[in-house]
Amino acid sequence: MLARLTAATPTTAAPKIAKTENANAGVIRLAGRVIALADLKQLPKDAREIQVSTTALVTPAARDELRERGVQIVRGQQNSTTAATQPRAAALVIGTVDASTVKSATVIDQAVSGLRRQKHEIEQLPRVPLAQQIDALVDQVVRGGRRGVLVTSEVSAALCLANRQGGVRAVLGTTKQNVRRDVERLAANLLVVDPAARSTFEVMQLIGEFAKAEAGFSAEGWQSRLQ
């Protein structure tokens, strides 16, 4: 069982707690790139919701503490009085390198259409060669603070090239469970999906899980190297 992160967990800047227009209803805004357990000490006892940026990383220990206190995490400016109880999907940018068969192209297009019907915010990039697509996605992920999805059959090359870029944590989409684990433990921000031998439903599941999973870092000794 992973040890819980303590107040010693390093952060780049201590989050600042600010009241929102809904502060009287227990809505608090936390500003910071990493939200750790120590940062919750100043949280009011009557807090029921915290608002963080779309790219903030909430550590497992902080998530556990908030869950125990019944406090909901909301990303962006959305709040629980206007949002559904389900976590809001992060904005996604999807780049496709190739669609070598008609079946693959159909799967990709249908998956994107289906995700949009589920209210996921998606931007599709033009289809270009692998290196160019990775450059485009890196710009969106690192500088734009969005989550990226790279659809290609060249998964090994894609992972190697993407993870050479500073700030990118690319992982391979295999199952829903693995995708969620990688986002929660590694704060993965780029998902590589191979459309070969996958149905539209399977591709939608992988990308949908990637969009809604809460980012964080595990308590493993190597976590600091991923930040």
C-alpha atoms as a PDB file:
ATOM      1  CA  MET A   1       0.000   0.000   0.000  1.00  0.00           C
ATOM      2  CA  LEU A   2       1.430   3.370  -0.994  1.00  0.00           C
ATOM      3  CA  ALA A   3       2.433   5.639   1.861  1.00  0.00           C
ATOM      4  CA  ARG A   4       0.503   8.855   2.047  1.00  0.00           C
ATOM      5  CA  LEU A   5       2.361  12.022   1.137  1.00  0.00           C
ATOM      6  CA  THR A   6       2.981  14.223   4.137  1.00  0.00           C
ATOM      7  CA  ALA A   7       3.586  17.889   4.662  1.00  0.00           C
ATOM      8  CA  ALA A   8       7.143  17.306   3.458  1.00  0.00           C
ATOM      9  CA  THR A   9       5.894  16.776  -0.093  1.00  0.00           C
ATOM     10  CA  PRO A  10       7.709  19.314  -2.250  1.00  0.00           C
ATOM     11  CA  THR A  11       5.710  21.824  -4.255  1.00  0.00           C
ATOM     12  CA  THR A  12       6.862  24.493  -6.630  1.00  0.00           C
ATOM     13  CA  ALA A  13       4.693  27.135  -4.969  1.00  0.00           C
ATOM     14  CA  ALA A  14       2.342  26.973  -2.035  1.00  0.00           C
ATOM     15  CA  PRO A  15      -1.254  27.233  -3.230  1.00  0.00           C
ATOM     16  CA  LYS A  16      -3.068  30.390  -2.198  1.00  0.00           C
ATOM     17  CA  ILE A  17      -6.571  30.021  -0.845  1.00  0.00           C
ATOM     18  CA  ALA A  18      -9.086  32.532  -2.136  1.00  0.00           C
ATOM     19  CA  LYS A  19     -12.811  32.850  -1.576  1.00  0.00           C
ATOM     20  CA  THR A  20     -15.078  32.835  -4.581  1.00  0.00           C
ATOM     21  CA  GLU A  21     -18.416  34.463  -5.200  1.00  0.00           C
ATOM     22  CA  ASN A  22     -19.849  31.221  -3.773  1.00  0.00           C
ATOM     23  CA  ALA A  23     -17.646  31.289  -0.652  1.00  0.00           C
ATOM     24  CA  ASN A  24     -20.702  31.506   1.565  1.00  0.00           C
ATOM     25  CA  ALA A  25     -21.691  28.144   0.097  1.00  0.00           C
ATOM     26  CA  GLY A  26     -18.320  26.592   0.928  1.00  0.00           C
ATOM     27  CA  VAL A  27     -16.670  27.076  -2.481  1.00  0.00           C
ATOM     28  CA  ILE A  28     -12.932  27.839  -2.240  1.00  0.00           C
ATOM     29  CA  ARG A  29     -10.348  28.412  -4.980  1.00  0.00           C
ATOM     30  CA  LEU A  30      -6.821  26.990  -4.647  1.00  0.00           C
ATOM     31  CA  ALA A  31      -4.110  28.463  -6.879  1.00  0.00           C
ATOM     32  CA  GLY A  32      -1.063  26.293  -7.410  1.00  0.00           C
ATOM     33  CA  ARG A  33       0.549  23.819  -9.801  1.00  0.00           C
ATOM     34  CA  VAL A  34       0.631  21.029  -7.188  1.00  0.00           C
ATOM     35  CA  ILE A  35      -1.990  20.614  -4.443  1.00  0.00           C
ATOM     36  CA  ALA A  36      -0.552  18.528  -1.586  1.00  0.00           C
ATOM     37  CA  LEU A  37      -1.867  17.418   1.800  1.00  0.00           C
ATOM     38  CA  ALA A  38      -0.066  20.253   3.604  1.00  0.00           C
ATOM     39  CA  ASP A  39      -1.851  22.811   1.437  1.00  0.00           C
ATOM     40  CA  LEU A  40      -5.232  21.792   2.860  1.00  0.00           C
ATOM     41  CA  LYS A  41      -4.438  22.861   6.423  1.00  0.00           C
ATOM     42  CA  GLN A  42      -5.896  26.335   5.842  1.00  0.00           C
ATOM     43  CA  LEU A  43      -9.028  25.006   4.183  1.00  0.00           C
ATOM     44  CA  PRO A  44     -12.154  26.144   6.098  1.00  0.00           C
ATOM     45  CA  LYS A  45     -14.004  23.394   7.951  1.00  0.00           C
ATOM     46  CA  ASP A  46     -17.218  24.191   6.093  1.00  0.00           C
ATOM     47  CA  ALA A  47     -15.601  23.882   2.633  1.00  0.00           C
ATOM     48  CA  ARG A  48     -17.550  21.562   0.350  1.00  0.00           C
ATOM     49  CA  GLU A  49     -15.867  22.360  -2.973  1.00  0.00           C
ATOM     50  CA  ILE A  50     -12.424  23.490  -4.119  1.00  0.00           C
ATOM     51  CA  GLN A  51     -11.722  24.981  -7.528  1.00  0.00           C
ATOM     52  CA  VAL A  52      -8.306  24.334  -9.071  1.00  0.00           C
ATOM     53  CA  SER A  53      -6.820  25.036 -12.489  1.00  0.00           C
ATOM     54  CA  THR A  54      -7.356  22.524 -15.277  1.00  0.00           C
ATOM     55  CA  THR A  55      -3.661  21.529 -15.117  1.00  0.00           C
ATOM     56  CA  ALA A  56      -3.188  21.385 -11.325  1.00  0.00           C
ATOM     57  CA  LEU A  57      -1.868  18.105  -9.903  1.00  0.00           C
ATOM     58  CA  VAL A  58      -3.664  16.863  -6.785  1.00  0.00           C
ATOM     59  CA  THR A  59      -1.578  14.341  -4.843  1.00  0.00           C
ATOM     60  CA  PRO A  60      -3.171  11.037  -3.753  1.00  0.00           C
ATOM     61  CA  ALA A  61      -2.951  12.039  -0.081  1.00  0.00           C
ATOM     62  CA  ALA A  62      -4.730  15.330  -0.764  1.00  0.00           C
ATOM     63  CA  ARG A  63      -7.440  13.549  -2.759  1.00  0.00           C
ATOM     64  CA  ASP A  64      -7.953  11.083   0.114  1.00  0.00           C
ATOM     65  CA  GLU A  65      -8.248  13.920   2.631  1.00  0.00           C
ATOM     66  CA  LEU A  66     -10.758  15.801   0.492  1.00  0.00           C
ATOM     67  CA  ARG A  67     -12.784  12.634  -0.064  1.00  0.00           C
ATOM     68  CA  GLU A  68     -12.902  11.971   3.689  1.00  0.00           C
ATOM     69  CA  ARG A  69     -14.108  15.534   4.305  1.00  0.00           C
ATOM     70  CA  GLY A  70     -16.689  15.320   1.532  1.00  0.00           C
ATOM     71  CA  VAL A  71     -15.068  18.083  -0.500  1.00  0.00           C
ATOM     72  CA  GLN A  72     -15.467  17.988  -4.280  1.00  0.00           C
ATOM     73  CA  ILE A  73     -12.618  18.908  -6.651  1.00  0.00           C
ATOM     74  CA  VAL A  74     -13.683  21.068  -9.597  1.00  0.00           C
ATOM     75  CA  ARG A  75     -11.333  22.149 -12.367  1.00  0.00           C
ATOM     76  CA  GLY A  76     -11.595  25.530 -14.047  1.00  0.00           C
ATOM     77  CA  GLN A  77     -14.363  27.992 -13.215  1.00  0.00           C
ATOM     78  CA  GLN A  78     -17.145  25.426 -13.152  1.00  0.00           C
ATOM     79  CA  ASN A  79     -18.824  24.796  -9.789  1.00  0.00           C
ATOM     80  CA  SER A  80     -21.142  22.165  -8.422  1.00  0.00           C
ATOM     81  CA  THR A  81     -24.173  24.434  -8.453  1.00  0.00           C
ATOM     82  CA  THR A  82     -24.099  24.454 -12.252  1.00  0.00           C
ATOM     83  CA  ALA A  83     -22.194  21.238 -13.031  1.00  0.00           C
ATOM     84  CA  ALA A  84     -23.134  17.589 -12.921  1.00  0.00           C
ATOM     85  CA  THR A  85     -21.677  15.441 -10.168  1.00  0.00           C
ATOM     86  CA  GLN A  86     -19.420  13.646 -12.659  1.00  0.00           C
ATOM     87  CA  PRO A  87     -15.865  15.071 -13.006  1.00  0.00           C
ATOM     88  CA  ARG A  88     -15.658  17.541 -15.854  1.00  0.00           C
ATOM     89  CA  ALA A  89     -13.679  16.183 -18.792  1.00  0.00           C
ATOM     90  CA  ALA A  90     -10.476  18.068 -19.452  1.00  0.00           C
ATOM     91  CA  ALA A  91     -10.174  19.817 -22.823  1.00  0.00           C
ATOM     92  CA  LEU A  92      -8.574  17.404 -25.284  1.00  0.00           C
ATOM     93  CA  VAL A  93      -6.563  17.885 -28.430  1.00  0.00           C
ATOM     94  CA  ILE A  94      -6.353  14.836 -30.704  1.00  0.00           C
ATOM     95  CA  GLY A  95      -3.768  14.309 -33.418  1.00  0.00           C
ATOM     96  CA  THR A  96      -3.878  11.455 -35.915  1.00  0.00           C
ATOM     97  CA  VAL A  97      -0.710  10.395 -37.707  1.00  0.00           C
ATOM     98  CA  ASP A  98      -2.119   7.858 -40.071  1.00  0.00           C
ATOM     99  CA  ALA A  99      -5.226   5.908 -40.863  1.00  0.00           C
ATOM    100  CA  SER A 100      -3.733   3.137 -42.980  1.00  0.00           C
ATOM    101  CA  THR A 101      -7.099   1.458 -43.590  1.00  0.00           C
ATOM    102  CA  VAL A 102     -10.626   2.646 -44.151  1.00  0.00           C
ATOM    103  CA  LYS A 103     -11.633   0.793 -40.974  1.00  0.00           C
ATOM    104  CA  SER A 104      -9.081   2.701 -38.848  1.00  0.00           C
ATOM    105  CA  ALA A 105     -10.173   6.049 -40.270  1.00  0.00           C
ATOM    106  CA  THR A 106     -13.809   5.206 -39.583  1.00  0.00           C
ATOM    107  CA  VAL A 107     -13.056   4.133 -36.002  1.00  0.00           C
ATOM    108  CA  ILE A 108     -11.211   7.386 -35.290  1.00  0.00           C
ATOM    109  CA  ASP A 109     -13.882   9.644 -36.798  1.00  0.00           C
ATOM    110  CA  GLN A 110     -16.739   7.800 -35.084  1.00  0.00           C
ATOM    111  CA  ALA A 111     -14.920   7.825 -31.736  1.00  0.00           C
ATOM    112  CA  VAL A 112     -14.392  11.597 -31.881  1.00  0.00           C
ATOM    113  CA  SER A 113     -18.038  12.153 -32.835  1.00  0.00           C
ATOM    114  CA  GLY A 114     -19.181   9.935 -29.980  1.00  0.00           C
ATOM    115  CA  LEU A 115     -16.984  11.722 -27.439  1.00  0.00           C
ATOM    116  CA  ARG A 116     -18.323  15.074 -28.545  1.00  0.00           C
ATOM    117  CA  ARG A 117     -21.864  13.820 -28.041  1.00  0.00           C
ATOM    118  CA  GLN A 118     -20.784  12.972 -24.478  1.00  0.00           C
ATOM    119  CA  LYS A 119     -19.878  16.669 -24.052  1.00  0.00           C
ATOM    120  CA  HIS A 120     -16.099  16.234 -24.204  1.00  0.00           C
ATOM    121  CA  GLU A 121     -14.346  19.350 -25.493  1.00  0.00           C
ATOM    122  CA  ILE A 122     -12.188  18.152 -28.388  1.00  0.00           C
ATOM    123  CA  GLU A 123      -9.997  19.816 -30.980  1.00  0.00           C
ATOM    124  CA  GLN A 124      -8.787  17.662 -33.884  1.00  0.00           C
ATOM    125  CA  LEU A 125      -5.480  18.531 -35.476  1.00  0.00           C
ATOM    126  CA  PRO A 126      -4.838  17.991 -39.203  1.00  0.00           C
ATOM    127  CA  ARG A 127      -3.255  14.646 -40.089  1.00  0.00           C
ATOM    128  CA  VAL A 128       0.496  15.089 -40.578  1.00  0.00           C
ATOM    129  CA  PRO A 129       3.625  12.880 -40.247  1.00  0.00           C
ATOM    130  CA  LEU A 130       4.568  11.570 -36.798  1.00  0.00           C
ATOM    131  CA  ALA A 131       7.329  14.037 -35.859  1.00  0.00           C
ATOM    132  CA  GLN A 132       5.231  17.030 -36.911  1.00  0.00           C
ATOM    133  CA  GLN A 133       2.176  15.760 -35.043  1.00  0.00           C
ATOM    134  CA  ILE A 134       4.176  15.271 -31.861  1.00  0.00           C
ATOM    135  CA  ASP A 135       5.530  18.824 -32.117  1.00  0.00           C
ATOM    136  CA  ALA A 136       1.985  20.143 -32.491  1.00  0.00           C
ATOM    137  CA  LEU A 137       0.704  18.120 -29.538  1.00  0.00           C
ATOM    138  CA  VAL A 138       3.663  19.071 -27.322  1.00  0.00           C
ATOM    139  CA  ASP A 139       2.858  22.730 -27.909  1.00  0.00           C
ATOM    140  CA  GLN A 140      -0.761  22.157 -26.816  1.00  0.00           C
ATOM    141  CA  VAL A 141       0.122  19.929 -23.844  1.00  0.00           C
ATOM    142  CA  VAL A 142       3.122  21.754 -22.376  1.00  0.00           C
ATOM    143  CA  ARG A 143       2.342  25.358 -23.235  1.00  0.00           C
ATOM    144  CA  GLY A 144      -1.417  25.106 -23.564  1.00  0.00           C
ATOM    145  CA  GLY A 145      -2.008  22.997 -20.445  1.00  0.00           C
ATOM    146  CA  ARG A 146      -4.315  20.581 -22.262  1.00  0.00           C
ATOM    147  CA  ARG A 147      -4.351  16.787 -22.459  1.00  0.00           C
ATOM    148  CA  GLY A 148      -3.285  15.319 -25.765  1.00  0.00           C
ATOM    149  CA  VAL A 149      -4.160  12.119 -27.595  1.00  0.00           C
ATOM    150  CA  LEU A 150      -1.963  10.752 -30.382  1.00  0.00           C
ATOM    151  CA  VAL A 151      -3.586   8.165 -32.630  1.00  0.00           C
ATOM    152  CA  THR A 152      -1.011   6.112 -34.532  1.00  0.00           C
ATOM    153  CA  SER A 153       0.087   2.573 -35.278  1.00  0.00           C
ATOM    154  CA  GLU A 154       3.713   3.603 -34.650  1.00  0.00           C
ATOM    155  CA  VAL A 155       3.244   3.457 -30.891  1.00  0.00           C
ATOM    156  CA  SER A 156       6.838   2.662 -29.869  1.00  0.00           C
ATOM    157  CA  ALA A 157       8.314   5.480 -31.933  1.00  0.00           C
ATOM    158  CA  ALA A 158       5.584   7.842 -30.729  1.00  0.00           C
ATOM    159  CA  LEU A 159       6.272   7.128 -27.050  1.00  0.00           C
ATOM    160  CA  CYS A 160      10.050   7.478 -27.468  1.00  0.00           C
ATOM    161  CA  LEU A 161       9.812  10.742 -29.383  1.00  0.00           C
ATOM    162  CA  ALA A 162       7.145  12.288 -27.152  1.00  0.00           C
ATOM    163  CA  ASN A 163       8.869  11.473 -23.869  1.00  0.00           C
ATOM    164  CA  ARG A 164      12.065  13.178 -25.046  1.00  0.00           C
ATOM    165  CA  GLN A 165      10.188  16.473 -24.790  1.00  0.00           C
ATOM    166  CA  GLY A 166      10.332  18.342 -21.491  1.00  0.00           C
ATOM    167  CA  GLY A 167       7.034  18.375 -19.606  1.00  0.00           C
ATOM    168  CA  VAL A 168       5.516  15.494 -21.564  1.00  0.00           C
ATOM    169  CA  ARG A 169       4.465  12.272 -19.804  1.00  0.00           C
ATOM    170  CA  ALA A 170       3.232  10.029 -22.604  1.00  0.00           C
ATOM    171  CA  VAL A 171       1.679   6.610 -21.938  1.00  0.00           C
ATOM    172  CA  LEU A 172       0.145   3.873 -24.062  1.00  0.00           C
ATOM    173  CA  GLY A 173      -3.598   3.320 -23.863  1.00  0.00           C
ATOM    174  CA  THR A 174      -4.241  -0.375 -23.249  1.00  0.00           C
ATOM    175  CA  THR A 175      -7.220  -0.625 -20.878  1.00  0.00           C
ATOM    176  CA  LYS A 176      -9.465   1.851 -19.037  1.00  0.00           C
ATOM    177  CA  GLN A 177      -7.973   0.768 -15.728  1.00  0.00           C
ATOM    178  CA  ASN A 178      -4.396   1.272 -16.881  1.00  0.00           C
ATOM    179  CA  VAL A 179      -5.177   4.674 -18.362  1.00  0.00           C
ATOM    180  CA  ARG A 180      -6.729   5.869 -15.095  1.00  0.00           C
ATOM    181  CA  ARG A 181      -3.822   4.473 -13.081  1.00  0.00           C
ATOM    182  CA  ASP A 182      -1.264   6.217 -15.291  1.00  0.00           C
ATOM    183  CA  VAL A 183      -3.013   9.581 -14.958  1.00  0.00           C
ATOM    184  CA  GLU A 184      -3.439   9.224 -11.185  1.00  0.00           C
ATOM    185  CA  ARG A 185       0.084   7.917 -10.479  1.00  0.00           C
ATOM    186  CA  LEU A 186       2.145   9.623 -13.187  1.00  0.00           C
ATOM    187  CA  ALA A 187       0.054  12.671 -14.120  1.00  0.00           C
ATOM    188  CA  ALA A 188       0.164  11.420 -17.705  1.00  0.00           C
ATOM    189  CA  ASN A 189      -0.745  14.204 -20.122  1.00  0.00           C
ATOM    190  CA  LEU A 190      -0.370  12.514 -23.520  1.00  0.00           C
ATOM    191  CA  LEU A 191      -2.146   9.285 -24.435  1.00  0.00           C
ATOM    192  CA  VAL A 192      -0.969   7.195 -27.379  1.00  0.00           C
ATOM    193  CA  VAL A 193      -3.698   5.034 -28.916  1.00  0.00           C
ATOM    194  CA  ASP A 194      -3.273   2.369 -31.601  1.00  0.00           C
ATOM    195  CA  PRO A 195      -6.557   2.104 -33.542  1.00  0.00           C
ATOM    196  CA  ALA A 196      -5.644  -1.265 -35.066  1.00  0.00           C
ATOM    197  CA  ALA A 197      -7.882  -4.117 -33.876  1.00  0.00           C
ATOM    198  CA  ARG A 198      -9.889  -1.734 -31.663  1.00  0.00           C
ATOM    199  CA  SER A 199     -13.558  -0.929 -31.981  1.00  0.00           C
ATOM    200  CA  THR A 200     -15.006   2.572 -31.871  1.00  0.00           C
ATOM    201  CA  PHE A 201     -16.364   1.841 -28.389  1.00  0.00           C
ATOM    202  CA  GLU A 202     -12.947   0.743 -27.099  1.00  0.00           C
ATOM    203  CA  VAL A 203     -11.233   3.866 -28.446  1.00  0.00           C
ATOM    204  CA  MET A 204     -13.949   6.041 -26.886  1.00  0.00           C
ATOM    205  CA  GLN A 205     -13.496   4.295 -23.531  1.00  0.00           C
ATOM    206  CA  LEU A 206      -9.729   4.835 -23.495  1.00  0.00           C
ATOM    207  CA  ILE A 207      -9.924   8.504 -24.446  1.00  0.00           C
ATOM    208  CA  GLY A 208     -12.927   9.197 -22.197  1.00  0.00           C
ATOM    209  CA  GLU A 209     -11.172   7.703 -19.176  1.00  0.00           C
ATOM    210  CA  PHE A 210      -8.041   9.718 -19.948  1.00  0.00           C
ATOM    211  CA  ALA A 211     -10.091  12.922 -20.122  1.00  0.00           C
ATOM    212  CA  LYS A 212     -11.830  12.578 -16.756  1.00  0.00           C
ATOM    213  CA  ALA A 213      -9.155  10.946 -14.566  1.00  0.00           C
ATOM    214  CA  GLU A 214      -7.735  13.150 -11.810  1.00  0.00           C
ATOM    215  CA  ALA A 215      -4.040  13.900 -12.322  1.00  0.00           C
ATOM    216  CA  GLY A 216      -1.608  13.282  -9.480  1.00  0.00           C
ATOM    217  CA  PHE A 217       1.726  11.793  -8.525  1.00  0.00           C
ATOM    218  CA  SER A 218       2.239   8.593  -6.552  1.00  0.00           C
ATOM    219  CA  ALA A 219       4.334   8.326  -3.414  1.00  0.00           C
ATOM    220  CA  GLU A 220       7.006   6.300  -5.207  1.00  0.00           C
ATOM    221  CA  GLY A 221      10.602   7.457  -4.762  1.00  0.00           C
ATOM    222  CA  TRP A 222      10.861   8.406  -8.452  1.00  0.00           C
ATOM    223  CA  GLN A 223       7.923  10.810  -8.457  1.00  0.00           C
ATOM    224  CA  SER A 224      10.068  13.957  -8.188  1.00  0.00           C
ATOM    225  CA  ARG A 225      11.739  13.145 -11.501  1.00  0.00           C
ATOM    226  CA  LEU A 226       8.400  13.306 -13.305  1.00  0.00           C
ATOM    227  CA  GLN A 227       7.521  16.817 -12.139  1.00  0.00           C
END
